[in-house]
Amino acid sequence: MIAGFIHLVWKVIWNVVVVLVCAGLIFIGYKANQPMSVAGAPKGMTYVEFIQDRLEAAKTVEPSRCGWGMMLSLAALGPIYSVVYTEVAIHPDGFLDKVTAPDLIFPPG
């Protein structure tokens, strides 16, 4: 009887996760095809069109000439940067805010 209850709970959790993932994918697919409301984006451009434009631009740059060391360092340090700047945003005037290099993207304070 306990095993049946655990199995039922597991199935409910599994089904909820599947429904949430599917709903999330549908939402992202819907929103990606809507015009963006970003200040720098051309009027009426969707996110899908923006990504297609960036992929075309990347083909002209020839990524093989960029140097793999820089690409690998960005891939390795990107998650660390996101954690550092999130921490600075959560705790302004904290230790990390004082020792982190200022970034023009983020307003001071």
PDB file of N, CA and C in Angstrom:
ATOM      1  N   MET A   1       0.819  -1.186   0.000  1.00  0.00           N
ATOM      2  CA  MET A   1       0.000   0.000   0.000  1.00  0.00           C
ATOM      3  C   MET A   1       0.874   1.266   0.000  1.00  0.00           C
ATOM      4  N   ILE A   2       1.944   1.263   0.782  1.00  0.00           N
ATOM      5  CA  ILE A   2       2.843   2.412   0.813  1.00  0.00           C
ATOM      6  C   ILE A   2       3.547   2.555  -0.534  1.00  0.00           C
ATOM      7  N   ALA A   3       3.927   1.434  -1.116  1.00  0.00           N
ATOM      8  CA  ALA A   3       4.583   1.482  -2.425  1.00  0.00           C
ATOM      9  C   ALA A   3       3.631   2.058  -3.478  1.00  0.00           C
ATOM     10  N   GLY A   4       2.370   1.716  -3.406  1.00  0.00           N
ATOM     11  CA  GLY A   4       1.377   2.261  -4.332  1.00  0.00           C
ATOM     12  C   GLY A   4       1.210   3.765  -4.156  1.00  0.00           C
ATOM     13  N   PHE A   5       1.232   4.230  -2.907  1.00  0.00           N
ATOM     14  CA  PHE A   5       1.128   5.662  -2.628  1.00  0.00           C
ATOM     15  C   PHE A   5       2.347   6.411  -3.164  1.00  0.00           C
ATOM     16  N   ILE A   6       3.536   5.853  -2.938  1.00  0.00           N
ATOM     17  CA  ILE A   6       4.766   6.475  -3.440  1.00  0.00           C
ATOM     18  C   ILE A   6       4.741   6.514  -4.965  1.00  0.00           C
ATOM     19  N   HIS A   7       4.277   5.451  -5.580  1.00  0.00           N
ATOM     20  CA  HIS A   7       4.169   5.409  -7.042  1.00  0.00           C
ATOM     21  C   HIS A   7       3.191   6.480  -7.536  1.00  0.00           C
ATOM     22  N   LEU A   8       2.066   6.646  -6.850  1.00  0.00           N
ATOM     23  CA  LEU A   8       1.092   7.661  -7.218  1.00  0.00           C
ATOM     24  C   LEU A   8       1.691   9.069  -7.100  1.00  0.00           C
ATOM     25  N   VAL A   9       2.390   9.326  -6.006  1.00  0.00           N
ATOM     26  CA  VAL A   9       3.022  10.632  -5.814  1.00  0.00           C
ATOM     27  C   VAL A   9       4.049  10.877  -6.908  1.00  0.00           C
ATOM     28  N   TRP A  10       4.859   9.868  -7.217  1.00  0.00           N
ATOM     29  CA  TRP A  10       5.869   9.990  -8.271  1.00  0.00           C
ATOM     30  C   TRP A  10       5.208  10.303  -9.612  1.00  0.00           C
ATOM     31  N   LYS A  11       4.133   9.624  -9.950  1.00  0.00           N
ATOM     32  CA  LYS A  11       3.436   9.858 -11.223  1.00  0.00           C
ATOM     33  C   LYS A  11       2.860  11.278 -11.269  1.00  0.00           C
ATOM     34  N   VAL A  12       2.299  11.741 -10.154  1.00  0.00           N
ATOM     35  CA  VAL A  12       1.746  13.097 -10.115  1.00  0.00           C
ATOM     36  C   VAL A  12       2.859  14.112 -10.328  1.00  0.00           C
ATOM     37  N   ILE A  13       3.970  13.953  -9.622  1.00  0.00           N
ATOM     38  CA  ILE A  13       5.104  14.880  -9.784  1.00  0.00           C
ATOM     39  C   ILE A  13       5.609  14.836 -11.221  1.00  0.00           C
ATOM     40  N   TRP A  14       5.768  13.658 -11.775  1.00  0.00           N
ATOM     41  CA  TRP A  14       6.257  13.515 -13.151  1.00  0.00           C
ATOM     42  C   TRP A  14       5.317  14.207 -14.138  1.00  0.00           C
ATOM     43  N   ASN A  15       4.025  13.991 -13.990  1.00  0.00           N
ATOM     44  CA  ASN A  15       3.059  14.604 -14.897  1.00  0.00           C
ATOM     45  C   ASN A  15       3.038  16.126 -14.765  1.00  0.00           C
ATOM     46  N   VAL A  16       3.184  16.636 -13.546  1.00  0.00           N
ATOM     47  CA  VAL A  16       3.230  18.084 -13.345  1.00  0.00           C
ATOM     48  C   VAL A  16       4.468  18.657 -14.026  1.00  0.00           C
ATOM     49  N   VAL A  17       5.606  18.005 -13.884  1.00  0.00           N
ATOM     50  CA  VAL A  17       6.840  18.473 -14.529  1.00  0.00           C
ATOM     51  C   VAL A  17       6.685  18.464 -16.042  1.00  0.00           C
ATOM     52  N   VAL A  18       6.133  17.416 -16.607  1.00  0.00           N
ATOM     53  CA  VAL A  18       5.941  17.334 -18.057  1.00  0.00           C
ATOM     54  C   VAL A  18       5.011  18.441 -18.537  1.00  0.00           C
ATOM     55  N   VAL A  19       3.922  18.674 -17.826  1.00  0.00           N
ATOM     56  CA  VAL A  19       2.981  19.726 -18.218  1.00  0.00           C
ATOM     57  C   VAL A  19       3.650  21.101 -18.128  1.00  0.00           C
ATOM     58  N   LEU A  20       4.421  21.362 -17.068  1.00  0.00           N
ATOM     59  CA  LEU A  20       5.096  22.645 -16.916  1.00  0.00           C
ATOM     60  C   LEU A  20       6.141  22.872 -18.017  1.00  0.00           C
ATOM     61  N   VAL A  21       6.897  21.847 -18.358  1.00  0.00           N
ATOM     62  CA  VAL A  21       7.892  21.978 -19.426  1.00  0.00           C
ATOM     63  C   VAL A  21       7.202  22.246 -20.765  1.00  0.00           C
ATOM     64  N   CYS A  22       6.160  21.507 -21.050  1.00  0.00           N
ATOM     65  CA  CYS A  22       5.428  21.720 -22.308  1.00  0.00           C
ATOM     66  C   CYS A  22       4.797  23.105 -22.356  1.00  0.00           C
ATOM     67  N   ALA A  23       4.188  23.529 -21.252  1.00  0.00           N
ATOM     68  CA  ALA A  23       3.584  24.863 -21.212  1.00  0.00           C
ATOM     69  C   ALA A  23       4.654  25.940 -21.377  1.00  0.00           C
ATOM     70  N   GLY A  24       5.820  25.747 -20.763  1.00  0.00           N
ATOM     71  CA  GLY A  24       6.913  26.695 -20.908  1.00  0.00           C
ATOM     72  C   GLY A  24       7.407  26.786 -22.345  1.00  0.00           C
ATOM     73  N   LEU A  25       7.545  25.658 -23.007  1.00  0.00           N
ATOM     74  CA  LEU A  25       7.985  25.650 -24.408  1.00  0.00           C
ATOM     75  C   LEU A  25       6.957  26.318 -25.316  1.00  0.00           C
ATOM     76  N   ILE A  26       5.688  26.076 -25.057  1.00  0.00           N
ATOM     77  CA  ILE A  26       4.635  26.719 -25.854  1.00  0.00           C
ATOM     78  C   ILE A  26       4.664  28.227 -25.637  1.00  0.00           C
ATOM     79  N   PHE A  27       4.816  28.656 -24.393  1.00  0.00           N
ATOM     80  CA  PHE A  27       4.875  30.083 -24.084  1.00  0.00           C
ATOM     81  C   PHE A  27       6.076  30.746 -24.750  1.00  0.00           C
ATOM     82  N   ILE A  28       7.239  30.116 -24.658  1.00  0.00           N
ATOM     83  CA  ILE A  28       8.445  30.674 -25.284  1.00  0.00           C
ATOM     84  C   ILE A  28       8.279  30.728 -26.797  1.00  0.00           C
ATOM     85  N   GLY A  29       7.720  29.670 -27.384  1.00  0.00           N
ATOM     86  CA  GLY A  29       7.485  29.676 -28.828  1.00  0.00           C
ATOM     87  C   GLY A  29       6.522  30.775 -29.245  1.00  0.00           C
ATOM     88  N   TYR A  30       5.509  31.017 -28.443  1.00  0.00           N
ATOM     89  CA  TYR A  30       4.547  32.077 -28.749  1.00  0.00           C
ATOM     90  C   TYR A  30       5.194  33.454 -28.623  1.00  0.00           C
ATOM     91  N   LYS A  31       5.878  33.700 -27.508  1.00  0.00           N
ATOM     92  CA  LYS A  31       6.471  35.013 -27.270  1.00  0.00           C
ATOM     93  C   LYS A  31       7.622  35.303 -28.241  1.00  0.00           C
ATOM     94  N   ALA A  32       8.332  34.281 -28.684  1.00  0.00           N
ATOM     95  CA  ALA A  32       9.454  34.493 -29.606  1.00  0.00           C
ATOM     96  C   ALA A  32       8.976  34.968 -30.967  1.00  0.00           C
ATOM     97  N   ASN A  33       7.730  34.725 -31.293  1.00  0.00           N
ATOM     98  CA  ASN A  33       7.194  35.146 -32.585  1.00  0.00           C
ATOM     99  C   ASN A  33       6.355  36.421 -32.492  1.00  0.00           C
ATOM    100  N   GLN A  34       6.396  37.092 -31.358  1.00  0.00           N
ATOM    101  CA  GLN A  34       5.716  38.366 -31.178  1.00  0.00           C
ATOM    102  C   GLN A  34       6.721  39.497 -31.349  1.00  0.00           C
ATOM    103  N   PRO A  35       6.290  40.650 -31.827  1.00  0.00           N
ATOM    104  CA  PRO A  35       7.233  41.775 -31.961  1.00  0.00           C
ATOM    105  C   PRO A  35       7.826  42.154 -30.605  1.00  0.00           C
ATOM    106  N   MET A  36       9.143  42.427 -30.614  1.00  0.00           N
ATOM    107  CA  MET A  36       9.832  42.788 -29.374  1.00  0.00           C
ATOM    108  C   MET A  36       9.519  44.233 -29.002  1.00  0.00           C
ATOM    109  N   SER A  37       9.521  44.505 -27.720  1.00  0.00           N
ATOM    110  CA  SER A  37       9.297  45.872 -27.244  1.00  0.00           C
ATOM    111  C   SER A  37      10.557  46.400 -26.569  1.00  0.00           C
ATOM    112  N   VAL A  38      11.703  46.122 -27.187  1.00  0.00           N
ATOM    113  CA  VAL A  38      12.989  46.582 -26.677  1.00  0.00           C
ATOM    114  C   VAL A  38      13.330  47.889 -27.373  1.00  0.00           C
ATOM    115  N   ALA A  39      13.902  48.829 -26.622  1.00  0.00           N
ATOM    116  CA  ALA A  39      14.161  50.167 -27.156  1.00  0.00           C
ATOM    117  C   ALA A  39      15.056  50.137 -28.396  1.00  0.00           C
ATOM    118  N   GLY A  40      16.076  49.289 -28.434  1.00  0.00           N
ATOM    119  CA  GLY A  40      17.011  49.295 -29.552  1.00  0.00           C
ATOM    120  C   GLY A  40      16.607  48.416 -30.720  1.00  0.00           C
ATOM    121  N   ALA A  41      15.536  47.665 -30.599  1.00  0.00           N
ATOM    122  CA  ALA A  41      15.133  46.748 -31.666  1.00  0.00           C
ATOM    123  C   ALA A  41      14.319  47.477 -32.726  1.00  0.00           C
ATOM    124  N   PRO A  42      14.511  47.109 -33.993  1.00  0.00           N
ATOM    125  CA  PRO A  42      13.672  47.710 -35.038  1.00  0.00           C
ATOM    126  C   PRO A  42      12.200  47.399 -34.798  1.00  0.00           C
ATOM    127  N   LYS A  43      11.336  48.318 -35.159  1.00  0.00           N
ATOM    128  CA  LYS A  43       9.905  48.168 -34.908  1.00  0.00           C
ATOM    129  C   LYS A  43       9.360  46.939 -35.637  1.00  0.00           C
ATOM    130  N   GLY A  44       8.681  46.088 -34.898  1.00  0.00           N
ATOM    131  CA  GLY A  44       8.048  44.912 -35.478  1.00  0.00           C
ATOM    132  C   GLY A  44       8.946  43.692 -35.587  1.00  0.00           C
ATOM    133  N   MET A  45      10.212  43.787 -35.188  1.00  0.00           N
ATOM    134  CA  MET A  45      11.121  42.646 -35.284  1.00  0.00           C
ATOM    135  C   MET A  45      10.827  41.651 -34.166  1.00  0.00           C
ATOM    136  N   THR A  46      10.733  40.383 -34.529  1.00  0.00           N
ATOM    137  CA  THR A  46      10.514  39.343 -33.531  1.00  0.00           C
ATOM    138  C   THR A  46      11.854  38.803 -33.064  1.00  0.00           C
ATOM    139  N   TYR A  47      11.824  38.061 -31.954  1.00  0.00           N
ATOM    140  CA  TYR A  47      13.046  37.476 -31.415  1.00  0.00           C
ATOM    141  C   TYR A  47      13.619  36.448 -32.389  1.00  0.00           C
ATOM    142  N   VAL A  48      12.773  35.698 -33.054  1.00  0.00           N
ATOM    143  CA  VAL A  48      13.242  34.702 -34.023  1.00  0.00           C
ATOM    144  C   VAL A  48      13.980  35.399 -35.169  1.00  0.00           C
ATOM    145  N   GLU A  49      13.439  36.507 -35.673  1.00  0.00           N
ATOM    146  CA  GLU A  49      14.113  37.262 -36.731  1.00  0.00           C
ATOM    147  C   GLU A  49      15.439  37.828 -36.239  1.00  0.00           C
ATOM    148  N   PHE A  50      15.464  38.283 -34.980  1.00  0.00           N
ATOM    149  CA  PHE A  50      16.697  38.814 -34.408  1.00  0.00           C
ATOM    150  C   PHE A  50      17.776  37.739 -34.351  1.00  0.00           C
ATOM    151  N   ILE A  51      17.423  36.541 -33.888  1.00  0.00           N
ATOM    152  CA  ILE A  51      18.397  35.447 -33.799  1.00  0.00           C
ATOM    153  C   ILE A  51      18.868  35.044 -35.189  1.00  0.00           C
ATOM    154  N   GLN A  52      17.958  34.991 -36.160  1.00  0.00           N
ATOM    155  CA  GLN A  52      18.371  34.668 -37.530  1.00  0.00           C
ATOM    156  C   GLN A  52      19.345  35.697 -38.069  1.00  0.00           C
ATOM    157  N   ASP A  53      19.102  36.965 -37.779  1.00  0.00           N
ATOM    158  CA  ASP A  53      20.008  38.029 -38.199  1.00  0.00           C
ATOM    159  C   ASP A  53      21.379  37.872 -37.549  1.00  0.00           C
ATOM    160  N   ARG A  54      21.414  37.548 -36.258  1.00  0.00           N
ATOM    161  CA  ARG A  54      22.691  37.375 -35.557  1.00  0.00           C
ATOM    162  C   ARG A  54      23.451  36.161 -36.082  1.00  0.00           C
ATOM    163  N   LEU A  55      22.735  35.090 -36.431  1.00  0.00           N
ATOM    164  CA  LEU A  55      23.407  33.911 -36.986  1.00  0.00           C
ATOM    165  C   LEU A  55      24.018  34.216 -38.348  1.00  0.00           C
ATOM    166  N   GLU A  56      23.308  34.983 -39.161  1.00  0.00           N
ATOM    167  CA  GLU A  56      23.859  35.390 -40.455  1.00  0.00           C
ATOM    168  C   GLU A  56      25.092  36.272 -40.270  1.00  0.00           C
ATOM    169  N   ALA A  57      25.040  37.172 -39.289  1.00  0.00           N
ATOM    170  CA  ALA A  57      26.192  38.033 -39.020  1.00  0.00           C
ATOM    171  C   ALA A  57      27.374  37.216 -38.510  1.00  0.00           C
ATOM    172  N   ALA A  58      27.100  36.179 -37.725  1.00  0.00           N
ATOM    173  CA  ALA A  58      28.189  35.346 -37.206  1.00  0.00           C
ATOM    174  C   ALA A  58      28.874  34.562 -38.316  1.00  0.00           C
ATOM    175  N   LYS A  59      28.134  34.222 -39.362  1.00  0.00           N
ATOM    176  CA  LYS A  59      28.737  33.490 -40.483  1.00  0.00           C
ATOM    177  C   LYS A  59      29.758  34.349 -41.223  1.00  0.00           C
ATOM    178  N   THR A  60      29.550  35.648 -41.260  1.00  0.00           N
ATOM    179  CA  THR A  60      30.489  36.518 -41.975  1.00  0.00           C
ATOM    180  C   THR A  60      31.752  36.778 -41.160  1.00  0.00           C
ATOM    181  N   VAL A  61      31.697  36.576 -39.837  1.00  0.00           N
ATOM    182  CA  VAL A  61      32.847  36.850 -38.987  1.00  0.00           C
ATOM    183  C   VAL A  61      33.863  35.713 -39.025  1.00  0.00           C
ATOM    184  N   GLU A  62      33.456  34.520 -39.386  1.00  0.00           N
ATOM    185  CA  GLU A  62      34.291  33.330 -39.362  1.00  0.00           C
ATOM    186  C   GLU A  62      34.814  33.077 -37.948  1.00  0.00           C
ATOM    187  N   PRO A  63      34.006  32.429 -37.115  1.00  0.00           N
ATOM    188  CA  PRO A  63      34.395  32.205 -35.725  1.00  0.00           C
ATOM    189  C   PRO A  63      35.730  31.490 -35.559  1.00  0.00           C
ATOM    190  N   SER A  64      36.172  30.750 -36.562  1.00  0.00           N
ATOM    191  CA  SER A  64      37.444  30.048 -36.428  1.00  0.00           C
ATOM    192  C   SER A  64      38.614  31.013 -36.321  1.00  0.00           C
ATOM    193  N   ARG A  65      38.436  32.255 -36.757  1.00  0.00           N
ATOM    194  CA  ARG A  65      39.515  33.239 -36.671  1.00  0.00           C
ATOM    195  C   ARG A  65      39.514  33.981 -35.341  1.00  0.00           C
ATOM    196  N   CYS A  66      38.509  33.760 -34.499  1.00  0.00           N
ATOM    197  CA  CYS A  66      38.383  34.526 -33.257  1.00  0.00           C
ATOM    198  C   CYS A  66      39.320  34.040 -32.161  1.00  0.00           C
ATOM    199  N   GLY A  67      39.791  32.855 -32.245  1.00  0.00           N
ATOM    200  CA  GLY A  67      40.657  32.321 -31.197  1.00  0.00           C
ATOM    201  C   GLY A  67      39.858  31.539 -30.172  1.00  0.00           C
ATOM    202  N   TRP A  68      40.191  30.262 -30.038  1.00  0.00           N
ATOM    203  CA  TRP A  68      39.418  29.400 -29.145  1.00  0.00           C
ATOM    204  C   TRP A  68      39.672  29.716 -27.686  1.00  0.00           C
ATOM    205  N   GLY A  69      40.834  30.279 -27.366  1.00  0.00           N
ATOM    206  CA  GLY A  69      41.109  30.616 -25.963  1.00  0.00           C
ATOM    207  C   GLY A  69      40.104  31.619 -25.431  1.00  0.00           C
ATOM    208  N   MET A  70      39.815  32.637 -26.224  1.00  0.00           N
ATOM    209  CA  MET A  70      38.858  33.652 -25.801  1.00  0.00           C
ATOM    210  C   MET A  70      37.461  33.053 -25.675  1.00  0.00           C
ATOM    211  N   MET A  71      37.065  32.225 -26.642  1.00  0.00           N
ATOM    212  CA  MET A  71      35.740  31.604 -26.589  1.00  0.00           C
ATOM    213  C   MET A  71      35.598  30.700 -25.365  1.00  0.00           C
ATOM    214  N   LEU A  72      36.634  29.915 -25.088  1.00  0.00           N
ATOM    215  CA  LEU A  72      36.567  29.013 -23.939  1.00  0.00           C
ATOM    216  C   LEU A  72      36.557  29.792 -22.627  1.00  0.00           C
ATOM    217  N   SER A  73      37.314  30.877 -22.555  1.00  0.00           N
ATOM    218  CA  SER A  73      37.309  31.662 -21.318  1.00  0.00           C
ATOM    219  C   SER A  73      35.948  32.313 -21.101  1.00  0.00           C
ATOM    220  N   LEU A  74      35.312  32.783 -22.184  1.00  0.00           N
ATOM    221  CA  LEU A  74      33.975  33.355 -22.039  1.00  0.00           C
ATOM    222  C   LEU A  74      32.967  32.296 -21.607  1.00  0.00           C
ATOM    223  N   ALA A  75      33.082  31.094 -22.156  1.00  0.00           N
ATOM    224  CA  ALA A  75      32.161  30.020 -21.777  1.00  0.00           C
ATOM    225  C   ALA A  75      32.369  29.615 -20.319  1.00  0.00           C
ATOM    226  N   ALA A  76      33.627  29.643 -19.865  1.00  0.00           N
ATOM    227  CA  ALA A  76      33.909  29.243 -18.484  1.00  0.00           C
ATOM    228  C   ALA A  76      33.553  30.347 -17.496  1.00  0.00           C
ATOM    229  N   LEU A  77      33.798  31.604 -17.861  1.00  0.00           N
ATOM    230  CA  LEU A  77      33.608  32.704 -16.921  1.00  0.00           C
ATOM    231  C   LEU A  77      32.211  33.326 -16.977  1.00  0.00           C
ATOM    232  N   GLY A  78      31.461  33.060 -18.024  1.00  0.00           N
ATOM    233  CA  GLY A  78      30.123  33.632 -18.151  1.00  0.00           C
ATOM    234  C   GLY A  78      29.223  33.354 -16.961  1.00  0.00           C
ATOM    235  N   PRO A  79      29.105  32.098 -16.532  1.00  0.00           N
ATOM    236  CA  PRO A  79      28.261  31.825 -15.365  1.00  0.00           C
ATOM    237  C   PRO A  79      28.781  32.494 -14.084  1.00  0.00           C
ATOM    238  N   ILE A  80      30.101  32.601 -13.962  1.00  0.00           N
ATOM    239  CA  ILE A  80      30.665  33.251 -12.773  1.00  0.00           C
ATOM    240  C   ILE A  80      30.307  34.733 -12.779  1.00  0.00           C
ATOM    241  N   TYR A  81      30.439  35.386 -13.947  1.00  0.00           N
ATOM    242  CA  TYR A  81      30.081  36.799 -14.052  1.00  0.00           C
ATOM    243  C   TYR A  81      28.614  37.025 -13.700  1.00  0.00           C
ATOM    244  N   SER A  82      27.750  36.138 -14.152  1.00  0.00           N
ATOM    245  CA  SER A  82      26.328  36.326 -13.864  1.00  0.00           C
ATOM    246  C   SER A  82      26.065  36.230 -12.368  1.00  0.00           C
ATOM    247  N   VAL A  83      26.743  35.332 -11.677  1.00  0.00           N
ATOM    248  CA  VAL A  83      26.561  35.214 -10.230  1.00  0.00           C
ATOM    249  C   VAL A  83      27.111  36.446  -9.525  1.00  0.00           C
ATOM    250  N   VAL A  84      28.284  36.917  -9.959  1.00  0.00           N
ATOM    251  CA  VAL A  84      28.903  38.083  -9.307  1.00  0.00           C
ATOM    252  C   VAL A  84      28.020  39.312  -9.461  1.00  0.00           C
ATOM    253  N   TYR A  85      27.576  39.599 -10.690  1.00  0.00           N
ATOM    254  CA  TYR A  85      26.783  40.803 -10.900  1.00  0.00           C
ATOM    255  C   TYR A  85      25.388  40.696 -10.286  1.00  0.00           C
ATOM    256  N   THR A  86      24.849  39.485 -10.181  1.00  0.00           N
ATOM    257  CA  THR A  86      23.582  39.307  -9.469  1.00  0.00           C
ATOM    258  C   THR A  86      23.773  39.601  -7.989  1.00  0.00           C
ATOM    259  N   GLU A  87      24.868  39.129  -7.434  1.00  0.00           N
ATOM    260  CA  GLU A  87      25.163  39.402  -6.025  1.00  0.00           C
ATOM    261  C   GLU A  87      25.360  40.899  -5.782  1.00  0.00           C
ATOM    262  N   VAL A  88      26.026  41.574  -6.705  1.00  0.00           N
ATOM    263  CA  VAL A  88      26.211  43.022  -6.571  1.00  0.00           C
ATOM    264  C   VAL A  88      24.866  43.739  -6.622  1.00  0.00           C
ATOM    265  N   ALA A  89      23.966  43.275  -7.490  1.00  0.00           N
ATOM    266  CA  ALA A  89      22.649  43.906  -7.601  1.00  0.00           C
ATOM    267  C   ALA A  89      21.809  43.671  -6.351  1.00  0.00           C
ATOM    268  N   ILE A  90      21.944  42.495  -5.759  1.00  0.00           N
ATOM    269  CA  ILE A  90      21.154  42.181  -4.570  1.00  0.00           C
ATOM    270  C   ILE A  90      21.680  42.937  -3.350  1.00  0.00           C
ATOM    271  N   HIS A  91      23.004  43.046  -3.241  1.00  0.00           N
ATOM    272  CA  HIS A  91      23.620  43.702  -2.088  1.00  0.00           C
ATOM    273  C   HIS A  91      24.476  44.883  -2.549  1.00  0.00           C
ATOM    274  N   PRO A  92      23.840  46.003  -2.933  1.00  0.00           N
ATOM    275  CA  PRO A  92      24.634  47.164  -3.326  1.00  0.00           C
ATOM    276  C   PRO A  92      25.426  47.687  -2.126  1.00  0.00           C
ATOM    277  N   ASP A  93      26.563  48.256  -2.407  1.00  0.00           N
ATOM    278  CA  ASP A  93      27.489  48.763  -1.386  1.00  0.00           C
ATOM    279  C   ASP A  93      28.084  47.655  -0.534  1.00  0.00           C
ATOM    280  N   GLY A  94      27.998  46.413  -1.015  1.00  0.00           N
ATOM    281  CA  GLY A  94      28.626  45.302  -0.306  1.00  0.00           C
ATOM    282  C   GLY A  94      30.070  45.130  -0.751  1.00  0.00           C
ATOM    283  N   PHE A  95      30.697  44.066  -0.275  1.00  0.00           N
ATOM    284  CA  PHE A  95      32.102  43.815  -0.590  1.00  0.00           C
ATOM    285  C   PHE A  95      32.314  43.637  -2.090  1.00  0.00           C
ATOM    286  N   LEU A  96      31.486  42.802  -2.718  1.00  0.00           N
ATOM    287  CA  LEU A  96      31.672  42.562  -4.163  1.00  0.00           C
ATOM    288  C   LEU A  96      31.433  43.824  -4.983  1.00  0.00           C
ATOM    289  N   ASP A  97      30.527  44.676  -4.530  1.00  0.00           N
ATOM    290  CA  ASP A  97      30.282  45.924  -5.247  1.00  0.00           C
ATOM    291  C   ASP A  97      31.524  46.809  -5.236  1.00  0.00           C
ATOM    292  N   LYS A  98      32.268  46.776  -4.140  1.00  0.00           N
ATOM    293  CA  LYS A  98      33.460  47.616  -4.017  1.00  0.00           C
ATOM    294  C   LYS A  98      34.642  47.066  -4.807  1.00  0.00           C
ATOM    295  N   VAL A  99      34.742  45.731  -4.953  1.00  0.00           N
ATOM    296  CA  VAL A  99      35.923  45.143  -5.608  1.00  0.00           C
ATOM    297  C   VAL A  99      35.658  44.748  -7.058  1.00  0.00           C
ATOM    298  N   THR A 100      34.416  44.834  -7.518  1.00  0.00           N
ATOM    299  CA  THR A 100      34.089  44.456  -8.887  1.00  0.00           C
ATOM    300  C   THR A 100      34.278  45.660  -9.801  1.00  0.00           C
ATOM    301  N   ALA A 101      34.845  45.401 -10.960  1.00  0.00           N
ATOM    302  CA  ALA A 101      35.043  46.480 -11.928  1.00  0.00           C
ATOM    303  C   ALA A 101      33.687  47.013 -12.383  1.00  0.00           C
ATOM    304  N   PRO A 102      33.551  48.327 -12.487  1.00  0.00           N
ATOM    305  CA  PRO A 102      32.270  48.871 -12.932  1.00  0.00           C
ATOM    306  C   PRO A 102      31.984  48.471 -14.378  1.00  0.00           C
ATOM    307  N   ASP A 103      30.725  48.254 -14.660  1.00  0.00           N
ATOM    308  CA  ASP A 103      30.293  47.888 -16.003  1.00  0.00           C
ATOM    309  C   ASP A 103      29.297  48.921 -16.482  1.00  0.00           C
ATOM    310  N   LEU A 104      29.451  49.371 -17.706  1.00  0.00           N
ATOM    311  CA  LEU A 104      28.584  50.408 -18.238  1.00  0.00           C
ATOM    312  C   LEU A 104      27.148  49.936 -18.405  1.00  0.00           C
ATOM    313  N   ILE A 105      26.952  48.623 -18.486  1.00  0.00           N
ATOM    314  CA  ILE A 105      25.598  48.097 -18.664  1.00  0.00           C
ATOM    315  C   ILE A 105      24.776  48.314 -17.399  1.00  0.00           C
ATOM    316  N   PHE A 106      25.425  48.190 -16.245  1.00  0.00           N
ATOM    317  CA  PHE A 106      24.720  48.284 -14.975  1.00  0.00           C
ATOM    318  C   PHE A 106      24.903  49.675 -14.399  1.00  0.00           C
ATOM    319  N   PRO A 107      23.817  50.310 -13.993  1.00  0.00           N
ATOM    320  CA  PRO A 107      23.956  51.647 -13.394  1.00  0.00           C
ATOM    321  C   PRO A 107      24.635  51.560 -12.044  1.00  0.00           C
ATOM    322  N   PRO A 108      25.397  52.564 -11.657  1.00  0.00           N
ATOM    323  CA  PRO A 108      26.039  52.518 -10.335  1.00  0.00           C
ATOM    324  C   PRO A 108      24.993  52.580  -9.227  1.00  0.00           C
ATOM    325  N   GLY A 109      25.281  51.835  -8.144  1.00  0.00           N
ATOM    326  CA  GLY A 109      24.349  51.832  -7.010  1.00  0.00           C
ATOM    327  C   GLY A 109      23.179  50.943  -7.272  1.00  0.00           C
TER     328      GLY A 109
END
